[in-house]
Amino acid sequence: MRLATRFPRAATFLVLAAAILTAAVAAPARHVAAAPAAAAADSIKAAHEKDRAETLEWLQSKPTSYLATILREDFGPRATLTVGRDPGNQVRIDDPAIAARHLSVTVLGDSFRVEALDPNATFRAGEDSLLRAATLAPRSIVVGRYSIRLSHQRYPALIVFDPQSPRFREYKGIQWFPVDLAYRFELPLTANPAADTVLILSTRGNQRRAVRVGWFDFKVGGKACRLEATRLLEPGVGENDFGIFFRDRTSGKDTYELGRYVDVQPLPDGRYVLDFNSAYNPACAYSEHYNCPIPPKANQLPVAIRAGEKDSHYH
């Protein structure tokens, strides 16, 4: 769920990995790590290394990097926020290229209505030409050199990104555990027969609703483990976008104290690849401008998962 959002190129990695697994991996036992053939293993490791190199480049310099964020404004009880250069705006961007009252953003159910206020003000949405008004799903718009994320999550907010953010000077890379395919599993999903709704706490104190989709069972070092998979009930989250938010015995030591996230990859036979080498930190590990799900108590693993992203201590 989160990888393709965090790193657009990661979607390519997921497709590549799924293709490799489908073509080259024999069906493993239910609760043990899969054992891909040597050629497939080399390809999977190479895909991980490529994704990590691209992630480093993205964090260091790209306009959507976590380090590019400069401010966040939550809507709270307000339906509309204004963006502009003057101090009277709720979202103030003190830049001559931004009009005194550049635009307004209004929450309309699961969408946003964006309207230019100044007669000469415009914005862009993706590849669109300059716009004066539009109703948009959660996404980013561009105003001058700045990107403004229209973040919903049932707790709407505007997050401003600046490609000249001073936080880029704080870049110090990312640390990962070495790729270890002993932490990659092919597993069935034990479906939740009730598909009940649960509350996921988040770092800004919100309670975010999610459907408990089911569970993944596996073993690490001979110890039985179970992870709960959920799907956030929020605009932009697809039916098959499962979130797995977890902590393990490395949390607060080698890895980020809050916990980590990992996405699963569906296979044609109905199983999923759960690869902890792709485990990543929430955006909150890098920036205070995000609202990140907190792993539930049910997803506190009794083992150390020495795979995936470590804590690089940006806070």
C-alpha atoms as a PDB file:
ATOM      1  CA  MET A   1       0.000   0.000   0.000  1.00  0.00           C
ATOM      2  CA  ARG A   2       2.570   2.545   1.115  1.00  0.00           C
ATOM      3  CA  LEU A   3       5.534   1.735  -1.112  1.00  0.00           C
ATOM      4  CA  ALA A   4       3.963   2.926  -4.324  1.00  0.00           C
ATOM      5  CA  THR A   5       2.868   6.103  -2.555  1.00  0.00           C
ATOM      6  CA  ARG A   6       6.193   6.782  -0.924  1.00  0.00           C
ATOM      7  CA  PHE A   7       8.346   5.865  -3.902  1.00  0.00           C
ATOM      8  CA  PRO A   8       6.568   5.810  -7.300  1.00  0.00           C
ATOM      9  CA  ARG A   9       9.339   3.677  -8.785  1.00  0.00           C
ATOM     10  CA  ALA A  10       8.608   0.988  -6.165  1.00  0.00           C
ATOM     11  CA  ALA A  11       5.590  -0.083  -8.194  1.00  0.00           C
ATOM     12  CA  THR A  12       8.090  -1.305 -10.814  1.00  0.00           C
ATOM     13  CA  PHE A  13       9.942  -3.248  -8.126  1.00  0.00           C
ATOM     14  CA  LEU A  14       6.709  -4.935  -6.970  1.00  0.00           C
ATOM     15  CA  VAL A  15       5.830  -5.995 -10.529  1.00  0.00           C
ATOM     16  CA  LEU A  16       9.358  -7.305 -11.137  1.00  0.00           C
ATOM     17  CA  ALA A  17       9.453  -9.235  -7.870  1.00  0.00           C
ATOM     18  CA  ALA A  18       6.030 -10.768  -8.476  1.00  0.00           C
ATOM     19  CA  ALA A  19       7.069 -11.842 -11.983  1.00  0.00           C
ATOM     20  CA  ILE A  20      10.256 -13.451 -10.679  1.00  0.00           C
ATOM     21  CA  LEU A  21       8.380 -15.279  -7.961  1.00  0.00           C
ATOM     22  CA  THR A  22       5.653 -16.502 -10.285  1.00  0.00           C
ATOM     23  CA  ALA A  23       8.128 -17.818 -12.832  1.00  0.00           C
ATOM     24  CA  ALA A  24      10.876 -19.237 -10.668  1.00  0.00           C
ATOM     25  CA  VAL A  25       9.749 -20.076  -7.139  1.00  0.00           C
ATOM     26  CA  ALA A  26       8.387 -23.475  -6.223  1.00  0.00           C
ATOM     27  CA  ALA A  27       5.477 -23.504  -3.754  1.00  0.00           C
ATOM     28  CA  PRO A  28       6.906 -23.505  -0.215  1.00  0.00           C
ATOM     29  CA  ALA A  29       5.477 -24.972   2.973  1.00  0.00           C
ATOM     30  CA  ARG A  30       2.852 -22.771   4.582  1.00  0.00           C
ATOM     31  CA  HIS A  31       4.822 -21.258   7.468  1.00  0.00           C
ATOM     32  CA  VAL A  32       8.438 -21.320   6.270  1.00  0.00           C
ATOM     33  CA  ALA A  33      10.535 -18.942   4.196  1.00  0.00           C
ATOM     34  CA  ALA A  34      10.424 -19.602   0.474  1.00  0.00           C
ATOM     35  CA  ALA A  35      13.601 -20.908  -1.137  1.00  0.00           C
ATOM     36  CA  PRO A  36      13.904 -19.428  -4.632  1.00  0.00           C
ATOM     37  CA  ALA A  37      16.266 -20.908  -7.154  1.00  0.00           C
ATOM     38  CA  ALA A  38      19.695 -19.288  -7.273  1.00  0.00           C
ATOM     39  CA  ALA A  39      18.965 -17.213 -10.390  1.00  0.00           C
ATOM     40  CA  ALA A  40      15.661 -15.985  -8.967  1.00  0.00           C
ATOM     41  CA  ALA A  41      17.305 -15.196  -5.627  1.00  0.00           C
ATOM     42  CA  ASP A  42      19.975 -13.124  -7.354  1.00  0.00           C
ATOM     43  CA  SER A  43      17.318 -11.215  -9.302  1.00  0.00           C
ATOM     44  CA  ILE A  44      15.268 -10.530  -6.186  1.00  0.00           C
ATOM     45  CA  LYS A  45      18.332  -9.271  -4.306  1.00  0.00           C
ATOM     46  CA  ALA A  46      19.336  -7.090  -7.252  1.00  0.00           C
ATOM     47  CA  ALA A  47      15.817  -5.613  -7.337  1.00  0.00           C
ATOM     48  CA  HIS A  48      16.063  -4.764  -3.633  1.00  0.00           C
ATOM     49  CA  GLU A  49      19.442  -3.118  -4.079  1.00  0.00           C
ATOM     50  CA  LYS A  50      18.201  -1.104  -7.044  1.00  0.00           C
ATOM     51  CA  ASP A  51      15.172   0.093  -5.091  1.00  0.00           C
ATOM     52  CA  ARG A  52      17.380   1.107  -2.163  1.00  0.00           C
ATOM     53  CA  ALA A  53      19.669   3.139  -4.423  1.00  0.00           C
ATOM     54  CA  GLU A  54      16.667   4.919  -5.914  1.00  0.00           C
ATOM     55  CA  THR A  55      15.248   5.541  -2.455  1.00  0.00           C
ATOM     56  CA  LEU A  56      18.472   7.249  -1.397  1.00  0.00           C
ATOM     57  CA  GLU A  57      18.379   9.477  -4.471  1.00  0.00           C
ATOM     58  CA  TRP A  58      14.717  10.318  -3.830  1.00  0.00           C
ATOM     59  CA  LEU A  59      15.259  11.249  -0.185  1.00  0.00           C
ATOM     60  CA  GLN A  60      18.365  13.331  -0.929  1.00  0.00           C
ATOM     61  CA  SER A  61      17.021  15.559  -3.674  1.00  0.00           C
ATOM     62  CA  LYS A  62      13.544  14.924  -5.045  1.00  0.00           C
ATOM     63  CA  PRO A  63      10.730  17.493  -4.580  1.00  0.00           C
ATOM     64  CA  THR A  64       8.483  14.849  -2.984  1.00  0.00           C
ATOM     65  CA  SER A  65      11.147  13.769  -0.474  1.00  0.00           C
ATOM     66  CA  TYR A  66      10.169  13.655   3.182  1.00  0.00           C
ATOM     67  CA  LEU A  67      12.914  16.236   3.691  1.00  0.00           C
ATOM     68  CA  ALA A  68      11.128  18.628   1.313  1.00  0.00           C
ATOM     69  CA  THR A  69       8.205  19.182   3.689  1.00  0.00           C
ATOM     70  CA  ILE A  70       8.154  22.642   5.282  1.00  0.00           C
ATOM     71  CA  LEU A  71       4.716  22.948   6.899  1.00  0.00           C
ATOM     72  CA  ARG A  72       1.416  21.235   7.569  1.00  0.00           C
ATOM     73  CA  GLU A  73      -1.977  22.725   8.352  1.00  0.00           C
ATOM     74  CA  ASP A  74      -4.857  20.525   9.507  1.00  0.00           C
ATOM     75  CA  PHE A  75      -8.391  21.549   8.586  1.00  0.00           C
ATOM     76  CA  GLY A  76      -9.767  20.509  11.969  1.00  0.00           C
ATOM     77  CA  PRO A  77     -13.333  21.887  12.197  1.00  0.00           C
ATOM     78  CA  ARG A  78     -12.745  24.257   9.253  1.00  0.00           C
ATOM     79  CA  ALA A  79     -14.089  23.393   5.822  1.00  0.00           C
ATOM     80  CA  THR A  80     -11.756  25.785   3.959  1.00  0.00           C
ATOM     81  CA  LEU A  81      -8.128  26.876   4.174  1.00  0.00           C
ATOM     82  CA  THR A  82      -6.556  29.671   2.150  1.00  0.00           C
ATOM     83  CA  VAL A  83      -3.023  29.660   0.775  1.00  0.00           C
ATOM     84  CA  GLY A  84      -1.028  32.776   0.012  1.00  0.00           C
ATOM     85  CA  ARG A  85       1.783  35.178   0.830  1.00  0.00           C
ATOM     86  CA  ASP A  86      -0.082  37.384   3.329  1.00  0.00           C
ATOM     87  CA  PRO A  87      -0.001  36.533   7.049  1.00  0.00           C
ATOM     88  CA  GLY A  88      -3.802  36.258   7.138  1.00  0.00           C
ATOM     89  CA  ASN A  89      -3.764  32.963   5.255  1.00  0.00           C
ATOM     90  CA  GLN A  90      -3.975  29.701   7.175  1.00  0.00           C
ATOM     91  CA  VAL A  91      -1.205  28.335   4.940  1.00  0.00           C
ATOM     92  CA  ARG A  92       1.322  31.093   4.429  1.00  0.00           C
ATOM     93  CA  ILE A  93       4.049  30.750   1.794  1.00  0.00           C
ATOM     94  CA  ASP A  94       6.237  33.844   1.971  1.00  0.00           C
ATOM     95  CA  ASP A  95       7.449  33.927  -1.605  1.00  0.00           C
ATOM     96  CA  PRO A  96       7.047  36.719  -4.203  1.00  0.00           C
ATOM     97  CA  ALA A  97       5.864  34.157  -6.766  1.00  0.00           C
ATOM     98  CA  ILE A  98       2.833  33.388  -4.585  1.00  0.00           C
ATOM     99  CA  ALA A  99      -0.098  35.827  -4.653  1.00  0.00           C
ATOM    100  CA  ALA A 100      -1.215  37.553  -1.464  1.00  0.00           C
ATOM    101  CA  ARG A 101      -4.299  35.319  -1.457  1.00  0.00           C
ATOM    102  CA  HIS A 102      -3.412  32.665  -3.990  1.00  0.00           C
ATOM    103  CA  LEU A 103      -6.076  30.002  -3.601  1.00  0.00           C
ATOM    104  CA  SER A 104      -8.609  28.356  -1.321  1.00  0.00           C
ATOM    105  CA  VAL A 105      -9.001  24.647  -0.643  1.00  0.00           C
ATOM    106  CA  THR A 106     -12.335  23.295   0.579  1.00  0.00           C
ATOM    107  CA  VAL A 107     -13.059  19.748   1.720  1.00  0.00           C
ATOM    108  CA  LEU A 108     -15.974  18.235  -0.204  1.00  0.00           C
ATOM    109  CA  GLY A 109     -16.623  14.766   1.200  1.00  0.00           C
ATOM    110  CA  ASP A 110     -13.769  12.583  -0.038  1.00  0.00           C
ATOM    111  CA  SER A 111     -12.523  15.285  -2.419  1.00  0.00           C
ATOM    112  CA  PHE A 112     -11.165  18.836  -2.404  1.00  0.00           C
ATOM    113  CA  ARG A 113     -12.348  21.931  -4.255  1.00  0.00           C
ATOM    114  CA  VAL A 114      -9.390  24.128  -5.197  1.00  0.00           C
ATOM    115  CA  GLU A 115     -10.084  27.653  -6.443  1.00  0.00           C
ATOM    116  CA  ALA A 116      -7.721  30.490  -7.369  1.00  0.00           C
ATOM    117  CA  LEU A 117      -8.476  33.734  -5.492  1.00  0.00           C
ATOM    118  CA  ASP A 118      -6.147  36.328  -6.996  1.00  0.00           C
ATOM    119  CA  PRO A 119      -7.093  37.245 -10.604  1.00  0.00           C
ATOM    120  CA  ASN A 120      -3.662  36.114 -11.821  1.00  0.00           C
ATOM    121  CA  ALA A 121      -3.288  33.045  -9.593  1.00  0.00           C
ATOM    122  CA  THR A 122      -3.141  29.522 -11.063  1.00  0.00           C
ATOM    123  CA  PHE A 123      -2.084  26.023 -10.056  1.00  0.00           C
ATOM    124  CA  ARG A 124      -1.300  22.712 -11.701  1.00  0.00           C
ATOM    125  CA  ALA A 125      -2.633  19.223 -10.984  1.00  0.00           C
ATOM    126  CA  GLY A 126      -0.380  16.585 -12.511  1.00  0.00           C
ATOM    127  CA  GLU A 127       0.100  17.059 -16.229  1.00  0.00           C
ATOM    128  CA  ASP A 128      -2.844  19.463 -16.498  1.00  0.00           C
ATOM    129  CA  SER A 129      -2.297  22.914 -17.924  1.00  0.00           C
ATOM    130  CA  LEU A 130      -2.644  25.882 -15.604  1.00  0.00           C
ATOM    131  CA  LEU A 131      -5.933  25.743 -13.706  1.00  0.00           C
ATOM    132  CA  ARG A 132      -8.110  28.296 -11.953  1.00  0.00           C
ATOM    133  CA  ALA A 133     -10.494  25.825 -10.299  1.00  0.00           C
ATOM    134  CA  ALA A 134     -10.905  22.067  -9.987  1.00  0.00           C
ATOM    135  CA  THR A 135     -12.453  19.381  -7.783  1.00  0.00           C
ATOM    136  CA  LEU A 136      -9.767  16.832  -7.019  1.00  0.00           C
ATOM    137  CA  ALA A 137      -9.310  13.530  -5.224  1.00  0.00           C
ATOM    138  CA  PRO A 138      -6.509  13.448  -2.629  1.00  0.00           C
ATOM    139  CA  ARG A 139      -3.302  14.234  -4.538  1.00  0.00           C
ATOM    140  CA  SER A 140      -0.727  16.987  -4.944  1.00  0.00           C
ATOM    141  CA  ILE A 141      -1.049  20.313  -6.725  1.00  0.00           C
ATOM    142  CA  VAL A 142       1.761  22.662  -7.750  1.00  0.00           C
ATOM    143  CA  VAL A 143       1.863  26.371  -6.955  1.00  0.00           C
ATOM    144  CA  GLY A 144       5.015  28.134  -8.127  1.00  0.00           C
ATOM    145  CA  ARG A 145       7.920  25.950  -7.072  1.00  0.00           C
ATOM    146  CA  TYR A 146       5.905  24.393  -4.229  1.00  0.00           C
ATOM    147  CA  SER A 147       3.871  21.203  -4.126  1.00  0.00           C
ATOM    148  CA  ILE A 148       0.852  21.092  -1.823  1.00  0.00           C
ATOM    149  CA  ARG A 149      -0.437  17.672  -0.878  1.00  0.00           C
ATOM    150  CA  LEU A 150      -4.193  17.450  -0.450  1.00  0.00           C
ATOM    151  CA  SER A 151      -4.105  14.863   2.340  1.00  0.00           C
ATOM    152  CA  HIS A 152      -7.400  13.361   3.443  1.00  0.00           C
ATOM    153  CA  GLN A 153      -7.210  10.271   5.739  1.00  0.00           C
ATOM    154  CA  ARG A 154     -10.604  11.411   7.200  1.00  0.00           C
ATOM    155  CA  TYR A 155      -8.513  14.103   8.943  1.00  0.00           C
ATOM    156  CA  PRO A 156      -7.850  16.496   6.050  1.00  0.00           C
ATOM    157  CA  ALA A 157      -4.688  18.588   5.915  1.00  0.00           C
ATOM    158  CA  LEU A 158      -2.466  20.496   3.518  1.00  0.00           C
ATOM    159  CA  ILE A 159       1.236  19.599   3.467  1.00  0.00           C
ATOM    160  CA  VAL A 160       3.633  21.952   1.669  1.00  0.00           C
ATOM    161  CA  PHE A 161       6.794  20.690  -0.061  1.00  0.00           C
ATOM    162  CA  ASP A 162       9.626  22.979  -1.128  1.00  0.00           C
ATOM    163  CA  PRO A 163      12.363  21.680  -3.479  1.00  0.00           C
ATOM    164  CA  GLN A 164      14.648  24.189  -1.718  1.00  0.00           C
ATOM    165  CA  SER A 165      13.758  23.012   1.787  1.00  0.00           C
ATOM    166  CA  PRO A 166      16.562  23.650   4.289  1.00  0.00           C
ATOM    167  CA  ARG A 167      16.050  20.150   5.652  1.00  0.00           C
ATOM    168  CA  PHE A 168      17.838  18.701   2.633  1.00  0.00           C
ATOM    169  CA  ARG A 169      21.023  19.771   4.411  1.00  0.00           C
ATOM    170  CA  GLU A 170      20.194  17.197   7.103  1.00  0.00           C
ATOM    171  CA  TYR A 171      20.388  14.318   4.652  1.00  0.00           C
ATOM    172  CA  LYS A 172      22.537  11.483   6.002  1.00  0.00           C
ATOM    173  CA  GLY A 173      21.371   8.514   3.983  1.00  0.00           C
ATOM    174  CA  ILE A 174      19.361   5.493   5.065  1.00  0.00           C
ATOM    175  CA  GLN A 175      20.609   2.316   6.716  1.00  0.00           C
ATOM    176  CA  TRP A 176      19.247  -1.146   5.905  1.00  0.00           C
ATOM    177  CA  PHE A 177      19.940  -4.673   7.047  1.00  0.00           C
ATOM    178  CA  PRO A 178      21.629  -6.775   4.330  1.00  0.00           C
ATOM    179  CA  VAL A 179      19.104  -8.463   2.054  1.00  0.00           C
ATOM    180  CA  ASP A 180      18.302 -11.867   3.568  1.00  0.00           C
ATOM    181  CA  LEU A 181      15.746 -14.031   1.781  1.00  0.00           C
ATOM    182  CA  ALA A 182      15.188 -16.048   4.956  1.00  0.00           C
ATOM    183  CA  TYR A 183      12.859 -13.152   5.827  1.00  0.00           C
ATOM    184  CA  ARG A 184      10.777 -13.549   2.644  1.00  0.00           C
ATOM    185  CA  PHE A 185       7.661 -15.695   2.857  1.00  0.00           C
ATOM    186  CA  GLU A 186       4.968 -16.929   0.492  1.00  0.00           C
ATOM    187  CA  LEU A 187       1.800 -17.202   2.544  1.00  0.00           C
ATOM    188  CA  PRO A 188      -1.946 -17.580   2.318  1.00  0.00           C
ATOM    189  CA  LEU A 189      -4.060 -14.928   3.962  1.00  0.00           C
ATOM    190  CA  THR A 190      -6.254 -16.322   6.708  1.00  0.00           C
ATOM    191  CA  ALA A 191      -9.323 -14.254   5.950  1.00  0.00           C
ATOM    192  CA  ASN A 192     -11.213 -12.615   8.775  1.00  0.00           C
ATOM    193  CA  PRO A 193     -14.692 -14.189   8.609  1.00  0.00           C
ATOM    194  CA  ALA A 194     -16.253 -11.155  10.293  1.00  0.00           C
ATOM    195  CA  ALA A 195     -14.226  -8.455   8.475  1.00  0.00           C
ATOM    196  CA  ASP A 196     -14.761  -6.171  11.459  1.00  0.00           C
ATOM    197  CA  THR A 197     -13.836  -2.501  11.695  1.00  0.00           C
ATOM    198  CA  VAL A 198     -10.984  -1.531  14.000  1.00  0.00           C
ATOM    199  CA  LEU A 199      -9.423   1.757  15.075  1.00  0.00           C
ATOM    200  CA  ILE A 200      -5.781   2.444  14.217  1.00  0.00           C
ATOM    201  CA  LEU A 201      -4.190   5.117  16.367  1.00  0.00           C
ATOM    202  CA  SER A 202      -1.945   7.624  14.622  1.00  0.00           C
ATOM    203  CA  THR A 203       0.923   9.902  15.522  1.00  0.00           C
ATOM    204  CA  ARG A 204      -1.232  13.059  15.524  1.00  0.00           C
ATOM    205  CA  GLY A 205      -3.655  11.577  18.023  1.00  0.00           C
ATOM    206  CA  ASN A 206      -6.300  10.574  15.474  1.00  0.00           C
ATOM    207  CA  GLN A 207      -8.241   7.320  15.433  1.00  0.00           C
ATOM    208  CA  ARG A 208      -8.273   6.021  11.871  1.00  0.00           C
ATOM    209  CA  ARG A 209     -10.875   3.414  10.899  1.00  0.00           C
ATOM    210  CA  ALA A 210      -9.774   0.256   9.126  1.00  0.00           C
ATOM    211  CA  VAL A 211     -11.144  -3.151   8.160  1.00  0.00           C
ATOM    212  CA  ARG A 212      -9.319  -6.104   9.718  1.00  0.00           C
ATOM    213  CA  VAL A 213      -8.827  -8.149   6.545  1.00  0.00           C
ATOM    214  CA  GLY A 214      -7.124 -11.191   8.058  1.00  0.00           C
ATOM    215  CA  TRP A 215      -3.840 -12.616   9.284  1.00  0.00           C
ATOM    216  CA  PHE A 216      -0.534 -13.936   7.978  1.00  0.00           C
ATOM    217  CA  ASP A 217       1.092 -16.802   9.917  1.00  0.00           C
ATOM    218  CA  PHE A 218       4.769 -17.718   9.568  1.00  0.00           C
ATOM    219  CA  LYS A 219       7.792 -18.794  11.587  1.00  0.00           C
ATOM    220  CA  VAL A 220      11.065 -16.998  12.279  1.00  0.00           C
ATOM    221  CA  GLY A 221      13.799 -19.068  13.901  1.00  0.00           C
ATOM    222  CA  GLY A 222      11.252 -21.766  14.677  1.00  0.00           C
ATOM    223  CA  LYS A 223       8.994 -19.330  16.570  1.00  0.00           C
ATOM    224  CA  ALA A 224       5.404 -18.917  15.414  1.00  0.00           C
ATOM    225  CA  CYS A 225       4.442 -15.377  14.397  1.00  0.00           C
ATOM    226  CA  ARG A 226       1.198 -13.762  13.300  1.00  0.00           C
ATOM    227  CA  LEU A 227       0.583 -10.369  11.701  1.00  0.00           C
ATOM    228  CA  GLU A 228      -2.764  -8.669  11.319  1.00  0.00           C
ATOM    229  CA  ALA A 229      -3.502  -7.119   7.926  1.00  0.00           C
ATOM    230  CA  THR A 230      -5.815  -4.109   7.733  1.00  0.00           C
ATOM    231  CA  ARG A 231      -7.216  -1.842   5.038  1.00  0.00           C
ATOM    232  CA  LEU A 232      -7.638   1.789   5.999  1.00  0.00           C
ATOM    233  CA  LEU A 233     -11.121   3.130   5.280  1.00  0.00           C
ATOM    234  CA  GLU A 234      -9.870   6.326   3.698  1.00  0.00           C
ATOM    235  CA  PRO A 235     -10.133   8.051   0.310  1.00  0.00           C
ATOM    236  CA  GLY A 236      -7.589   6.737  -2.157  1.00  0.00           C
ATOM    237  CA  VAL A 237      -7.105   3.354  -0.456  1.00  0.00           C
ATOM    238  CA  GLY A 238      -7.977   0.498  -2.819  1.00  0.00           C
ATOM    239  CA  GLU A 239      -9.829  -2.699  -1.961  1.00  0.00           C
ATOM    240  CA  ASN A 240      -6.596  -4.712  -2.093  1.00  0.00           C
ATOM    241  CA  ASP A 241      -4.351  -2.172  -0.361  1.00  0.00           C
ATOM    242  CA  PHE A 242      -3.487  -4.018   2.842  1.00  0.00           C
ATOM    243  CA  GLY A 243      -1.474  -2.295   5.543  1.00  0.00           C
ATOM    244  CA  ILE A 244       0.788  -4.253   7.877  1.00  0.00           C
ATOM    245  CA  PHE A 245       2.127  -2.065  10.675  1.00  0.00           C
ATOM    246  CA  PHE A 246       4.401  -3.954  13.069  1.00  0.00           C
ATOM    247  CA  ARG A 247       7.012  -3.851  15.808  1.00  0.00           C
ATOM    248  CA  ASP A 248       9.564  -6.539  16.670  1.00  0.00           C
ATOM    249  CA  ARG A 249      12.496  -7.138  19.003  1.00  0.00           C
ATOM    250  CA  THR A 250      14.648  -4.669  17.044  1.00  0.00           C
ATOM    251  CA  SER A 251      12.202  -1.760  17.555  1.00  0.00           C
ATOM    252  CA  GLY A 252      13.772   1.098  19.510  1.00  0.00           C
ATOM    253  CA  LYS A 253      17.195  -0.485  19.046  1.00  0.00           C
ATOM    254  CA  ASP A 254      18.283  -1.092  15.461  1.00  0.00           C
ATOM    255  CA  THR A 255      14.959   0.017  13.988  1.00  0.00           C
ATOM    256  CA  TYR A 256      12.553   2.922  14.443  1.00  0.00           C
ATOM    257  CA  GLU A 257      10.926   2.850  17.868  1.00  0.00           C
ATOM    258  CA  LEU A 258       7.368   3.482  16.652  1.00  0.00           C
ATOM    259  CA  GLY A 259       7.556   0.510  14.326  1.00  0.00           C
ATOM    260  CA  ARG A 260       7.791  -0.308  10.651  1.00  0.00           C
ATOM    261  CA  TYR A 261       5.481  -1.049   7.733  1.00  0.00           C
ATOM    262  CA  VAL A 262       5.605  -3.789   5.122  1.00  0.00           C
ATOM    263  CA  ASP A 263       3.484  -4.293   2.006  1.00  0.00           C
ATOM    264  CA  VAL A 264       2.432  -7.654   0.605  1.00  0.00           C
ATOM    265  CA  GLN A 265       2.517  -8.683  -3.049  1.00  0.00           C
ATOM    266  CA  PRO A 266      -0.324 -10.864  -4.390  1.00  0.00           C
ATOM    267  CA  LEU A 267       0.578 -14.000  -6.332  1.00  0.00           C
ATOM    268  CA  PRO A 268      -1.562 -15.621  -9.051  1.00  0.00           C
ATOM    269  CA  ASP A 269      -2.323 -18.643  -6.871  1.00  0.00           C
ATOM    270  CA  GLY A 270      -4.018 -16.478  -4.219  1.00  0.00           C
ATOM    271  CA  ARG A 271      -1.091 -16.365  -1.808  1.00  0.00           C
ATOM    272  CA  TYR A 272       0.999 -13.318  -0.962  1.00  0.00           C
ATOM    273  CA  VAL A 273       4.692 -12.535  -0.729  1.00  0.00           C
ATOM    274  CA  LEU A 274       5.570 -11.052   2.650  1.00  0.00           C
ATOM    275  CA  ASP A 275       9.146  -9.839   2.276  1.00  0.00           C
ATOM    276  CA  PHE A 276      10.592  -8.062   5.301  1.00  0.00           C
ATOM    277  CA  ASN A 277      13.547  -6.911   3.201  1.00  0.00           C
ATOM    278  CA  SER A 278      11.059  -4.328   1.915  1.00  0.00           C
ATOM    279  CA  ALA A 279      10.031  -3.201   5.417  1.00  0.00           C
ATOM    280  CA  TYR A 280      10.230   0.569   5.675  1.00  0.00           C
ATOM    281  CA  ASN A 281       9.864   3.337   8.227  1.00  0.00           C
ATOM    282  CA  PRO A 282       6.797   5.561   8.372  1.00  0.00           C
ATOM    283  CA  ALA A 283       7.137   9.068   7.011  1.00  0.00           C
ATOM    284  CA  CYS A 284       7.070  10.313  10.612  1.00  0.00           C
ATOM    285  CA  ALA A 285      10.565   8.896  11.068  1.00  0.00           C
ATOM    286  CA  TYR A 286      11.755  11.721   8.801  1.00  0.00           C
ATOM    287  CA  SER A 287       9.292  14.580   9.173  1.00  0.00           C
ATOM    288  CA  GLU A 288       6.844  15.910  11.745  1.00  0.00           C
ATOM    289  CA  HIS A 289       4.426  16.878   8.987  1.00  0.00           C
ATOM    290  CA  TYR A 290       2.809  13.452   8.571  1.00  0.00           C
ATOM    291  CA  ASN A 291       0.053  11.488  10.298  1.00  0.00           C
ATOM    292  CA  CYS A 292       1.262   7.893  10.546  1.00  0.00           C
ATOM    293  CA  PRO A 293      -0.551   4.758  11.719  1.00  0.00           C
ATOM    294  CA  ILE A 294       0.786   3.271  14.955  1.00  0.00           C
ATOM    295  CA  PRO A 295       1.219  -0.524  14.924  1.00  0.00           C
ATOM    296  CA  PRO A 296      -1.463  -2.263  17.003  1.00  0.00           C
ATOM    297  CA  LYS A 297      -0.506  -4.390  20.022  1.00  0.00           C
ATOM    298  CA  ALA A 298      -1.504  -7.478  18.044  1.00  0.00           C
ATOM    299  CA  ASN A 299       1.403  -6.819  15.665  1.00  0.00           C
ATOM    300  CA  GLN A 300       4.173  -6.854  18.264  1.00  0.00           C
ATOM    301  CA  LEU A 301       6.284  -9.766  17.030  1.00  0.00           C
ATOM    302  CA  PRO A 302       8.121 -11.936  19.607  1.00  0.00           C
ATOM    303  CA  VAL A 303      11.227 -12.156  17.397  1.00  0.00           C
ATOM    304  CA  ALA A 304      13.846  -9.863  15.902  1.00  0.00           C
ATOM    305  CA  ILE A 305      13.242  -9.109  12.218  1.00  0.00           C
ATOM    306  CA  ARG A 306      16.734  -8.232  11.023  1.00  0.00           C
ATOM    307  CA  ALA A 307      15.620  -7.197   7.570  1.00  0.00           C
ATOM    308  CA  GLY A 308      14.497  -4.013   5.894  1.00  0.00           C
ATOM    309  CA  GLU A 309      15.050  -0.412   6.920  1.00  0.00           C
ATOM    310  CA  LYS A 310      16.872   0.542  10.114  1.00  0.00           C
ATOM    311  CA  ASP A 311      16.459   3.734  12.119  1.00  0.00           C
ATOM    312  CA  SER A 312      18.628   6.446  10.563  1.00  0.00           C
ATOM    313  CA  HIS A 313      17.774   8.876  13.387  1.00  0.00           C
ATOM    314  CA  TYR A 314      16.382  11.884  11.535  1.00  0.00           C
ATOM    315  CA  HIS A 315      14.671  12.992  14.741  1.00  0.00           C
END
